[in-house]
Amino acid sequence: MSKSKKSEIIAKLLETAENNVRAAREMLLGKNSNLTPDYQDKASGSLRTSLSGDNRVIEGVFEGESMIDADGKKYPVPPNYASKSKLVAGDVLKLTITVDGSFLFKQIGPVERKKMVGTIAKDGDNYIVVAGGKNYRVLTASITYFKLDIGDQATIAVPTAENSKWATIESAIISPDA
């Protein structure tokens, strides 16, 4: 992994952590006026792999098929979860690795998205959506979930802030004669 890509991932993880801490502070202070902000000194904005009971918790950034942590390790995200959750490259995820070795992913920091309408196509063994003059890879699980075929239309979501190779399918556009 390049140094700039690693720095970009770390910056996204830090931004998400800071936003989560800020939101938690606002919730605490808003719900309990007797609570003083002295707990803020104890709050840590640093990101790390942590232990919760006997479980390991790791944060990372979704890149289209896998989550990449701050150390550059890749963790494959189940395609059905990525499709049904409509994950977009750049979303921040939390992975809990349980004692029995199960992987539990949760989206904790969605990136800003833009939506486009495109046409389903294939590039070798990979499904793509052609939209806005660009080809975006999509998960096969999304194609089968929406029962799409080559030539069908779909609404996709891509991150607004970066030039992604990946898109997620938001919905299928069904023509009346289908």
N, C-alpha and C. Protein backbone atom coordinates (compact mmCIF):
# COMPACT_ATOMS: atom_id res chain seq x y z
N MET A 1 0.86 -1.17 0.00
CA MET A 1 0.00 0.00 0.00
C MET A 1 0.90 1.23 0.00
N SER A 2 0.57 2.21 -0.84
CA SER A 2 1.38 3.42 -0.91
C SER A 2 1.22 4.24 0.36
N LYS A 3 2.22 5.06 0.62
CA LYS A 3 2.20 5.91 1.82
C LYS A 3 1.04 6.88 1.77
N SER A 4 0.73 7.43 0.59
CA SER A 4 -0.37 8.41 0.48
C SER A 4 -1.72 7.74 0.71
N LYS A 5 -1.89 6.49 0.21
CA LYS A 5 -3.15 5.77 0.41
C LYS A 5 -3.32 5.44 1.90
N LYS A 6 -2.23 5.02 2.55
CA LYS A 6 -2.28 4.72 3.99
C LYS A 6 -2.63 5.99 4.77
N SER A 7 -2.02 7.11 4.42
CA SER A 7 -2.32 8.39 5.08
C SER A 7 -3.78 8.78 4.88
N GLU A 8 -4.29 8.55 3.68
CA GLU A 8 -5.69 8.86 3.38
C GLU A 8 -6.63 8.02 4.24
N ILE A 9 -6.33 6.74 4.39
CA ILE A 9 -7.16 5.85 5.21
C ILE A 9 -7.11 6.28 6.66
N ILE A 10 -5.91 6.59 7.16
CA ILE A 10 -5.77 7.02 8.55
C ILE A 10 -6.53 8.32 8.78
N ALA A 11 -6.46 9.26 7.82
CA ALA A 11 -7.18 10.53 7.96
C ALA A 11 -8.69 10.30 8.03
N LYS A 12 -9.22 9.38 7.21
CA LYS A 12 -10.66 9.09 7.24
C LYS A 12 -11.05 8.45 8.57
N LEU A 13 -10.21 7.54 9.06
CA LEU A 13 -10.50 6.91 10.34
C LEU A 13 -10.50 7.93 11.48
N LEU A 14 -9.53 8.85 11.47
CA LEU A 14 -9.47 9.88 12.50
C LEU A 14 -10.68 10.81 12.43
N GLU A 15 -11.05 11.19 11.23
CA GLU A 15 -12.21 12.07 11.07
C GLU A 15 -13.48 11.40 11.60
N THR A 16 -13.65 10.13 11.30
CA THR A 16 -14.82 9.41 11.80
C THR A 16 -14.80 9.31 13.31
N ALA A 17 -13.64 9.00 13.87
CA ALA A 17 -13.52 8.89 15.33
C ALA A 17 -13.85 10.23 15.99
N GLU A 18 -13.33 11.32 15.44
CA GLU A 18 -13.60 12.65 15.99
C GLU A 18 -15.08 12.98 15.90
N ASN A 19 -15.71 12.66 14.78
CA ASN A 19 -17.15 12.91 14.62
C ASN A 19 -17.95 12.09 15.62
N ASN A 20 -17.56 10.83 15.82
CA ASN A 20 -18.27 9.98 16.78
C ASN A 20 -18.12 10.51 18.20
N VAL A 21 -16.93 10.93 18.58
CA VAL A 21 -16.71 11.48 19.93
C VAL A 21 -17.52 12.76 20.10
N ARG A 22 -17.52 13.63 19.09
CA ARG A 22 -18.27 14.89 19.15
C ARG A 22 -19.77 14.61 19.31
N ALA A 23 -20.28 13.66 18.53
CA ALA A 23 -21.71 13.32 18.61
C ALA A 23 -22.05 12.74 19.97
N ALA A 24 -21.17 11.89 20.51
CA ALA A 24 -21.42 11.31 21.83
C ALA A 24 -21.44 12.40 22.90
N ARG A 25 -20.51 13.35 22.82
CA ARG A 25 -20.47 14.45 23.79
C ARG A 25 -21.76 15.26 23.72
N GLU A 26 -22.20 15.57 22.50
CA GLU A 26 -23.43 16.35 22.33
C GLU A 26 -24.63 15.60 22.90
N MET A 27 -24.67 14.30 22.68
CA MET A 27 -25.78 13.50 23.20
C MET A 27 -25.77 13.48 24.72
N LEU A 28 -24.60 13.29 25.30
CA LEU A 28 -24.50 13.26 26.76
C LEU A 28 -24.86 14.60 27.38
N LEU A 29 -24.31 15.67 26.84
CA LEU A 29 -24.57 16.99 27.40
C LEU A 29 -26.01 17.43 27.16
N GLY A 30 -26.58 17.02 26.04
CA GLY A 30 -27.95 17.39 25.73
C GLY A 30 -28.97 16.67 26.58
N LYS A 31 -28.66 15.42 26.97
CA LYS A 31 -29.62 14.63 27.73
C LYS A 31 -29.49 14.81 29.23
N ASN A 32 -28.34 15.26 29.71
CA ASN A 32 -28.14 15.36 31.15
C ASN A 32 -27.41 16.66 31.46
N SER A 33 -28.15 17.69 31.82
CA SER A 33 -27.56 19.00 32.04
C SER A 33 -26.66 19.04 33.26
N ASN A 34 -26.74 18.03 34.16
CA ASN A 34 -25.86 17.98 35.33
C ASN A 34 -24.49 17.42 35.01
N LEU A 35 -24.33 16.89 33.82
CA LEU A 35 -23.06 16.28 33.43
C LEU A 35 -22.08 17.37 33.03
N THR A 36 -20.91 17.33 33.60
CA THR A 36 -19.89 18.33 33.25
C THR A 36 -18.97 17.76 32.20
N PRO A 37 -18.31 18.64 31.46
CA PRO A 37 -17.45 18.17 30.37
C PRO A 37 -16.11 17.60 30.83
N ASP A 38 -15.91 17.33 32.15
CA ASP A 38 -14.61 16.85 32.58
C ASP A 38 -14.28 15.46 32.03
N TYR A 39 -15.28 14.72 31.57
CA TYR A 39 -15.03 13.41 30.97
C TYR A 39 -14.28 13.55 29.66
N GLN A 40 -14.33 14.77 29.09
CA GLN A 40 -13.69 14.99 27.80
C GLN A 40 -12.18 14.77 27.88
N ASP A 41 -11.59 15.05 29.03
CA ASP A 41 -10.15 14.83 29.18
C ASP A 41 -9.80 13.36 29.06
N LYS A 42 -10.74 12.50 29.38
CA LYS A 42 -10.50 11.06 29.36
C LYS A 42 -10.77 10.47 27.98
N ALA A 43 -11.49 11.19 27.15
CA ALA A 43 -11.84 10.66 25.83
C ALA A 43 -10.60 10.61 24.95
N SER A 44 -10.47 9.54 24.23
CA SER A 44 -9.32 9.38 23.34
C SER A 44 -9.79 9.42 21.91
N GLY A 45 -9.19 10.26 21.10
CA GLY A 45 -9.52 10.33 19.68
C GLY A 45 -8.65 9.40 18.86
N SER A 46 -7.73 8.67 19.51
CA SER A 46 -6.82 7.81 18.75
C SER A 46 -7.54 6.55 18.29
N LEU A 47 -7.12 6.05 17.14
CA LEU A 47 -7.69 4.83 16.60
C LEU A 47 -6.74 3.68 16.86
N ARG A 48 -7.32 2.55 17.17
CA ARG A 48 -6.47 1.40 17.44
C ARG A 48 -7.32 0.14 17.34
N THR A 49 -6.64 -0.96 17.35
CA THR A 49 -7.32 -2.23 17.53
C THR A 49 -7.52 -2.37 19.02
N SER A 50 -8.72 -2.70 19.43
CA SER A 50 -8.98 -2.80 20.85
C SER A 50 -9.62 -4.14 21.18
N LEU A 51 -9.62 -4.46 22.45
CA LEU A 51 -10.27 -5.67 22.92
C LEU A 51 -11.53 -5.28 23.65
N SER A 52 -12.64 -5.90 23.32
CA SER A 52 -13.90 -5.68 24.01
C SER A 52 -14.31 -7.04 24.56
N GLY A 53 -14.06 -7.25 25.86
CA GLY A 53 -14.22 -8.59 26.41
C GLY A 53 -13.13 -9.44 25.80
N ASP A 54 -13.49 -10.53 25.17
CA ASP A 54 -12.52 -11.37 24.48
C ASP A 54 -12.53 -11.11 22.97
N ASN A 55 -13.35 -10.17 22.52
CA ASN A 55 -13.44 -9.84 21.10
C ASN A 55 -12.41 -8.78 20.72
N ARG A 56 -11.97 -8.83 19.46
CA ARG A 56 -11.10 -7.79 18.91
C ARG A 56 -11.93 -6.86 18.05
N VAL A 57 -11.72 -5.56 18.18
CA VAL A 57 -12.46 -4.58 17.39
C VAL A 57 -11.44 -3.79 16.57
N ILE A 58 -11.69 -3.71 15.26
CA ILE A 58 -10.78 -3.05 14.32
C ILE A 58 -11.61 -2.09 13.47
N GLU A 59 -11.08 -0.89 13.23
CA GLU A 59 -11.73 0.04 12.32
C GLU A 59 -10.94 0.12 11.03
N GLY A 60 -11.65 0.34 9.94
CA GLY A 60 -10.99 0.43 8.65
C GLY A 60 -11.89 1.09 7.62
N VAL A 61 -11.38 1.19 6.40
CA VAL A 61 -12.09 1.85 5.31
C VAL A 61 -12.43 0.82 4.24
N PHE A 62 -13.68 0.84 3.79
CA PHE A 62 -14.14 -0.06 2.74
C PHE A 62 -13.58 0.41 1.40
N GLU A 63 -13.03 -0.55 0.61
CA GLU A 63 -12.45 -0.16 -0.67
C GLU A 63 -13.15 -0.79 -1.87
N GLY A 64 -14.31 -1.40 -1.65
CA GLY A 64 -15.06 -1.99 -2.76
C GLY A 64 -15.35 -3.45 -2.54
N GLU A 65 -14.37 -4.18 -1.98
CA GLU A 65 -14.54 -5.59 -1.66
C GLU A 65 -14.07 -5.91 -0.25
N SER A 66 -13.11 -5.14 0.26
CA SER A 66 -12.50 -5.42 1.56
C SER A 66 -12.45 -4.16 2.40
N MET A 67 -12.22 -4.38 3.71
CA MET A 67 -11.95 -3.27 4.63
C MET A 67 -10.44 -3.26 4.84
N ILE A 68 -9.85 -2.07 4.79
CA ILE A 68 -8.41 -1.92 5.02
C ILE A 68 -8.23 -1.15 6.31
N ASP A 69 -7.44 -1.71 7.26
CA ASP A 69 -7.22 -1.03 8.52
C ASP A 69 -6.05 -0.06 8.42
N ALA A 70 -5.74 0.63 9.49
CA ALA A 70 -4.70 1.65 9.49
C ALA A 70 -3.32 1.06 9.21
N ASP A 71 -3.13 -0.23 9.45
CA ASP A 71 -1.85 -0.89 9.17
C ASP A 71 -1.77 -1.45 7.76
N GLY A 72 -2.86 -1.29 6.99
CA GLY A 72 -2.87 -1.78 5.62
C GLY A 72 -3.34 -3.21 5.47
N LYS A 73 -3.77 -3.85 6.57
CA LYS A 73 -4.30 -5.22 6.49
C LYS A 73 -5.68 -5.19 5.84
N LYS A 74 -5.94 -6.20 4.99
CA LYS A 74 -7.23 -6.30 4.32
C LYS A 74 -8.08 -7.37 5.00
N TYR A 75 -9.35 -7.03 5.17
CA TYR A 75 -10.34 -7.95 5.72
C TYR A 75 -11.49 -8.04 4.73
N PRO A 76 -11.70 -9.21 4.09
CA PRO A 76 -12.78 -9.32 3.11
C PRO A 76 -14.14 -9.08 3.75
N VAL A 77 -14.94 -8.24 3.12
CA VAL A 77 -16.30 -7.96 3.58
C VAL A 77 -17.24 -8.88 2.80
N PRO A 78 -18.12 -9.60 3.49
CA PRO A 78 -19.04 -10.48 2.76
C PRO A 78 -19.83 -9.69 1.71
N PRO A 79 -19.82 -10.17 0.47
CA PRO A 79 -20.50 -9.43 -0.61
C PRO A 79 -21.98 -9.18 -0.33
N ASN A 80 -22.66 -10.14 0.29
CA ASN A 80 -24.09 -9.93 0.58
C ASN A 80 -24.28 -8.77 1.56
N TYR A 81 -23.40 -8.67 2.58
CA TYR A 81 -23.51 -7.56 3.54
C TYR A 81 -23.21 -6.24 2.83
N ALA A 82 -22.16 -6.20 2.03
CA ALA A 82 -21.79 -4.98 1.32
C ALA A 82 -22.91 -4.53 0.38
N SER A 83 -23.55 -5.49 -0.29
CA SER A 83 -24.63 -5.16 -1.23
C SER A 83 -25.87 -4.67 -0.51
N LYS A 84 -26.32 -5.42 0.50
CA LYS A 84 -27.54 -5.06 1.21
C LYS A 84 -27.37 -3.77 2.00
N SER A 85 -26.16 -3.51 2.50
CA SER A 85 -25.89 -2.28 3.26
C SER A 85 -25.57 -1.12 2.34
N LYS A 86 -25.43 -1.42 1.06
CA LYS A 86 -25.10 -0.41 0.04
C LYS A 86 -23.85 0.38 0.41
N LEU A 87 -22.80 -0.38 0.76
CA LEU A 87 -21.52 0.23 1.12
C LEU A 87 -20.88 0.86 -0.10
N VAL A 88 -20.25 2.01 0.11
CA VAL A 88 -19.55 2.75 -0.93
C VAL A 88 -18.08 2.82 -0.53
N ALA A 89 -17.21 2.74 -1.52
CA ALA A 89 -15.77 2.86 -1.24
C ALA A 89 -15.52 4.15 -0.46
N GLY A 90 -14.82 4.02 0.65
CA GLY A 90 -14.55 5.17 1.52
C GLY A 90 -15.34 5.13 2.81
N ASP A 91 -16.41 4.31 2.88
CA ASP A 91 -17.16 4.17 4.13
C ASP A 91 -16.25 3.59 5.20
N VAL A 92 -16.40 4.08 6.41
CA VAL A 92 -15.63 3.56 7.54
C VAL A 92 -16.44 2.45 8.21
N LEU A 93 -15.76 1.33 8.45
CA LEU A 93 -16.39 0.16 9.05
C LEU A 93 -15.72 -0.20 10.36
N LYS A 94 -16.48 -0.86 11.21
CA LYS A 94 -15.94 -1.44 12.43
C LYS A 94 -16.09 -2.94 12.28
N LEU A 95 -15.01 -3.66 12.53
CA LEU A 95 -15.02 -5.11 12.46
C LEU A 95 -14.80 -5.66 13.86
N THR A 96 -15.73 -6.50 14.31
CA THR A 96 -15.55 -7.21 15.57
C THR A 96 -15.23 -8.65 15.23
N ILE A 97 -14.07 -9.11 15.71
CA ILE A 97 -13.69 -10.50 15.53
C ILE A 97 -13.97 -11.18 16.87
N THR A 98 -14.96 -12.07 16.85
CA THR A 98 -15.40 -12.70 18.10
C THR A 98 -14.45 -13.83 18.49
N VAL A 99 -14.63 -14.30 19.71
CA VAL A 99 -13.80 -15.37 20.25
C VAL A 99 -13.82 -16.60 19.35
N ASP A 100 -14.98 -16.90 18.76
CA ASP A 100 -15.07 -18.09 17.91
C ASP A 100 -14.57 -17.83 16.48
N GLY A 101 -14.06 -16.62 16.22
CA GLY A 101 -13.49 -16.30 14.91
C GLY A 101 -14.46 -15.68 13.92
N SER A 102 -15.69 -15.44 14.33
CA SER A 102 -16.67 -14.81 13.44
C SER A 102 -16.30 -13.35 13.20
N PHE A 103 -16.57 -12.88 11.99
CA PHE A 103 -16.36 -11.49 11.63
C PHE A 103 -17.71 -10.79 11.58
N LEU A 104 -17.86 -9.72 12.36
CA LEU A 104 -19.08 -8.93 12.36
C LEU A 104 -18.72 -7.51 11.93
N PHE A 105 -19.21 -7.10 10.76
CA PHE A 105 -18.94 -5.77 10.24
C PHE A 105 -20.10 -4.84 10.56
N LYS A 106 -19.77 -3.56 10.78
CA LYS A 106 -20.80 -2.54 10.98
C LYS A 106 -20.29 -1.24 10.37
N GLN A 107 -21.15 -0.60 9.59
CA GLN A 107 -20.80 0.69 9.00
C GLN A 107 -20.92 1.75 10.09
N ILE A 108 -19.84 2.52 10.32
CA ILE A 108 -19.87 3.55 11.35
C ILE A 108 -19.63 4.95 10.80
N GLY A 109 -19.21 5.05 9.55
CA GLY A 109 -18.94 6.37 8.98
C GLY A 109 -19.17 6.40 7.49
N PRO A 110 -20.43 6.60 7.06
CA PRO A 110 -20.67 6.66 5.62
C PRO A 110 -20.07 7.93 5.01
N VAL A 111 -19.52 7.78 3.81
CA VAL A 111 -19.01 8.94 3.08
C VAL A 111 -20.16 9.60 2.34
N GLU A 112 -19.94 10.83 1.94
CA GLU A 112 -20.93 11.54 1.14
C GLU A 112 -21.03 10.87 -0.23
N ARG A 113 -22.25 10.70 -0.71
CA ARG A 113 -22.49 9.97 -1.95
C ARG A 113 -23.16 10.85 -3.00
N LYS A 114 -22.94 10.46 -4.25
CA LYS A 114 -23.74 11.02 -5.34
C LYS A 114 -24.34 9.85 -6.09
N LYS A 115 -25.52 10.06 -6.64
CA LYS A 115 -26.23 8.99 -7.34
C LYS A 115 -26.29 9.28 -8.82
N MET A 116 -26.24 8.21 -9.59
CA MET A 116 -26.30 8.30 -11.05
C MET A 116 -27.08 7.10 -11.58
N VAL A 117 -27.60 7.24 -12.78
CA VAL A 117 -28.25 6.12 -13.45
C VAL A 117 -27.27 5.59 -14.49
N GLY A 118 -27.14 4.26 -14.53
CA GLY A 118 -26.21 3.66 -15.48
C GLY A 118 -26.76 2.36 -16.03
N THR A 119 -25.97 1.76 -16.92
CA THR A 119 -26.35 0.54 -17.61
C THR A 119 -25.41 -0.59 -17.18
N ILE A 120 -26.00 -1.75 -16.89
CA ILE A 120 -25.23 -2.92 -16.49
C ILE A 120 -24.50 -3.48 -17.71
N ALA A 121 -23.23 -3.81 -17.52
CA ALA A 121 -22.41 -4.42 -18.57
C ALA A 121 -21.45 -5.40 -17.90
N LYS A 122 -20.61 -6.02 -18.70
CA LYS A 122 -19.62 -6.94 -18.17
C LYS A 122 -18.27 -6.60 -18.75
N ASP A 123 -17.23 -6.71 -17.93
CA ASP A 123 -15.85 -6.51 -18.35
C ASP A 123 -15.11 -7.77 -17.92
N GLY A 124 -14.98 -8.72 -18.84
CA GLY A 124 -14.41 -10.02 -18.48
C GLY A 124 -15.37 -10.75 -17.57
N ASP A 125 -14.90 -11.14 -16.39
CA ASP A 125 -15.74 -11.83 -15.42
C ASP A 125 -16.44 -10.87 -14.47
N ASN A 126 -16.14 -9.59 -14.56
CA ASN A 126 -16.65 -8.60 -13.61
C ASN A 126 -17.84 -7.83 -14.18
N TYR A 127 -18.83 -7.62 -13.31
CA TYR A 127 -19.94 -6.75 -13.69
C TYR A 127 -19.53 -5.31 -13.47
N ILE A 128 -19.98 -4.46 -14.38
CA ILE A 128 -19.73 -3.02 -14.27
C ILE A 128 -21.04 -2.28 -14.54
N VAL A 129 -21.05 -1.02 -14.15
CA VAL A 129 -22.14 -0.12 -14.52
C VAL A 129 -21.50 1.04 -15.25
N VAL A 130 -22.00 1.33 -16.43
CA VAL A 130 -21.51 2.46 -17.21
C VAL A 130 -22.42 3.65 -16.90
N ALA A 131 -21.81 4.68 -16.28
CA ALA A 131 -22.60 5.85 -15.87
C ALA A 131 -21.69 7.07 -15.90
N GLY A 132 -22.23 8.17 -16.36
CA GLY A 132 -21.46 9.42 -16.38
C GLY A 132 -20.17 9.31 -17.18
N GLY A 133 -20.17 8.48 -18.22
CA GLY A 133 -18.99 8.34 -19.06
C GLY A 133 -17.87 7.52 -18.42
N LYS A 134 -18.17 6.78 -17.37
CA LYS A 134 -17.15 6.01 -16.67
C LYS A 134 -17.68 4.61 -16.35
N ASN A 135 -16.78 3.66 -16.24
CA ASN A 135 -17.13 2.30 -15.84
C ASN A 135 -16.86 2.13 -14.36
N TYR A 136 -17.85 1.61 -13.63
CA TYR A 136 -17.71 1.34 -12.19
C TYR A 136 -17.91 -0.15 -11.96
N ARG A 137 -17.02 -0.77 -11.21
CA ARG A 137 -17.23 -2.17 -10.83
C ARG A 137 -18.33 -2.24 -9.78
N VAL A 138 -19.10 -3.30 -9.83
CA VAL A 138 -20.13 -3.57 -8.83
C VAL A 138 -20.03 -5.03 -8.42
N LEU A 139 -20.47 -5.32 -7.22
CA LEU A 139 -20.43 -6.68 -6.72
C LEU A 139 -21.46 -7.56 -7.43
N THR A 140 -21.06 -8.77 -7.75
CA THR A 140 -21.98 -9.72 -8.36
C THR A 140 -23.18 -9.96 -7.46
N ALA A 141 -22.98 -9.92 -6.15
CA ALA A 141 -24.09 -10.10 -5.20
C ALA A 141 -25.17 -9.05 -5.42
N SER A 142 -24.78 -7.82 -5.78
CA SER A 142 -25.77 -6.77 -6.06
C SER A 142 -26.56 -7.07 -7.33
N ILE A 143 -25.87 -7.59 -8.33
CA ILE A 143 -26.52 -7.94 -9.59
C ILE A 143 -27.57 -9.02 -9.35
N THR A 144 -27.19 -10.06 -8.60
CA THR A 144 -28.14 -11.16 -8.36
C THR A 144 -29.26 -10.73 -7.41
N TYR A 145 -28.94 -9.89 -6.41
CA TYR A 145 -29.97 -9.43 -5.47
C TYR A 145 -31.08 -8.67 -6.19
N PHE A 146 -30.68 -7.78 -7.11
CA PHE A 146 -31.67 -6.98 -7.84
C PHE A 146 -32.16 -7.68 -9.12
N LYS A 147 -31.66 -8.89 -9.38
CA LYS A 147 -32.05 -9.68 -10.56
C LYS A 147 -31.80 -8.89 -11.85
N LEU A 148 -30.62 -8.29 -11.93
CA LEU A 148 -30.25 -7.49 -13.09
C LEU A 148 -29.53 -8.33 -14.13
N ASP A 149 -29.58 -7.85 -15.36
CA ASP A 149 -28.89 -8.52 -16.45
C ASP A 149 -28.19 -7.45 -17.29
N ILE A 150 -27.31 -7.87 -18.14
CA ILE A 150 -26.59 -6.94 -19.01
C ILE A 150 -27.60 -6.14 -19.83
N GLY A 151 -27.40 -4.82 -19.87
CA GLY A 151 -28.30 -3.93 -20.58
C GLY A 151 -29.36 -3.29 -19.69
N ASP A 152 -29.59 -3.85 -18.49
CA ASP A 152 -30.56 -3.26 -17.57
C ASP A 152 -30.03 -1.94 -17.01
N GLN A 153 -30.94 -1.11 -16.55
CA GLN A 153 -30.60 0.17 -15.94
C GLN A 153 -30.66 0.06 -14.42
N ALA A 154 -29.80 0.79 -13.73
CA ALA A 154 -29.80 0.80 -12.27
C ALA A 154 -29.33 2.15 -11.78
N THR A 155 -29.77 2.51 -10.59
CA THR A 155 -29.26 3.70 -9.91
C THR A 155 -28.10 3.25 -9.04
N ILE A 156 -26.98 3.95 -9.18
CA ILE A 156 -25.80 3.61 -8.39
C ILE A 156 -25.42 4.78 -7.49
N ALA A 157 -24.62 4.47 -6.47
CA ALA A 157 -24.06 5.50 -5.60
C ALA A 157 -22.55 5.35 -5.62
N VAL A 158 -21.87 6.49 -5.69
CA VAL A 158 -20.41 6.54 -5.65
C VAL A 158 -20.00 7.65 -4.69
N PRO A 159 -18.78 7.58 -4.14
CA PRO A 159 -18.36 8.65 -3.24
C PRO A 159 -18.16 9.95 -4.02
N THR A 160 -18.58 11.07 -3.42
CA THR A 160 -18.43 12.35 -4.11
C THR A 160 -17.01 12.88 -4.03
N ALA A 161 -16.29 12.53 -2.98
CA ALA A 161 -14.99 13.15 -2.74
C ALA A 161 -13.83 12.48 -3.47
N GLU A 162 -13.98 11.25 -3.92
CA GLU A 162 -12.85 10.60 -4.56
C GLU A 162 -13.26 9.93 -5.85
N ASN A 163 -12.25 9.64 -6.66
CA ASN A 163 -12.47 9.00 -7.94
C ASN A 163 -12.43 7.49 -7.72
N SER A 164 -13.56 6.89 -7.50
CA SER A 164 -13.65 5.47 -7.15
C SER A 164 -13.79 4.59 -8.39
N LYS A 165 -13.24 3.39 -8.30
CA LYS A 165 -13.44 2.38 -9.33
C LYS A 165 -14.70 1.58 -9.06
N TRP A 166 -15.26 1.72 -7.85
CA TRP A 166 -16.39 0.92 -7.40
C TRP A 166 -17.64 1.77 -7.21
N ALA A 167 -18.79 1.14 -7.40
CA ALA A 167 -20.09 1.75 -7.11
C ALA A 167 -20.92 0.71 -6.38
N THR A 168 -21.97 1.18 -5.73
CA THR A 168 -22.95 0.27 -5.15
C THR A 168 -24.27 0.50 -5.87
N ILE A 169 -25.01 -0.56 -6.04
CA ILE A 169 -26.31 -0.43 -6.70
C ILE A 169 -27.35 -0.06 -5.64
N GLU A 170 -28.00 1.06 -5.87
CA GLU A 170 -29.05 1.55 -4.97
C GLU A 170 -30.39 0.91 -5.29
N SER A 171 -30.71 0.84 -6.57
CA SER A 171 -31.99 0.27 -6.98
C SER A 171 -31.95 -0.08 -8.47
N ALA A 172 -32.83 -0.98 -8.84
CA ALA A 172 -32.97 -1.38 -10.24
C ALA A 172 -34.06 -0.53 -10.88
N ILE A 173 -33.88 -0.25 -12.15
CA ILE A 173 -34.92 0.47 -12.90
C ILE A 173 -35.57 -0.57 -13.82
N ILE A 174 -36.80 -0.89 -13.51
CA ILE A 174 -37.52 -1.94 -14.23
C ILE A 174 -38.39 -1.28 -15.32
N SER A 175 -38.19 -1.73 -16.56
CA SER A 175 -39.00 -1.17 -17.64
C SER A 175 -40.36 -1.89 -17.66
N PRO A 176 -41.42 -1.19 -18.08
CA PRO A 176 -42.78 -1.77 -18.04
C PRO A 176 -42.94 -3.04 -18.87
N ASP A 177 -42.13 -3.21 -19.91
CA ASP A 177 -42.28 -4.38 -20.77
C ASP A 177 -41.46 -5.57 -20.27
N ALA A 178 -40.82 -5.45 -19.12
CA ALA A 178 -39.97 -6.55 -18.62
C ALA A 178 -40.79 -7.60 -17.92
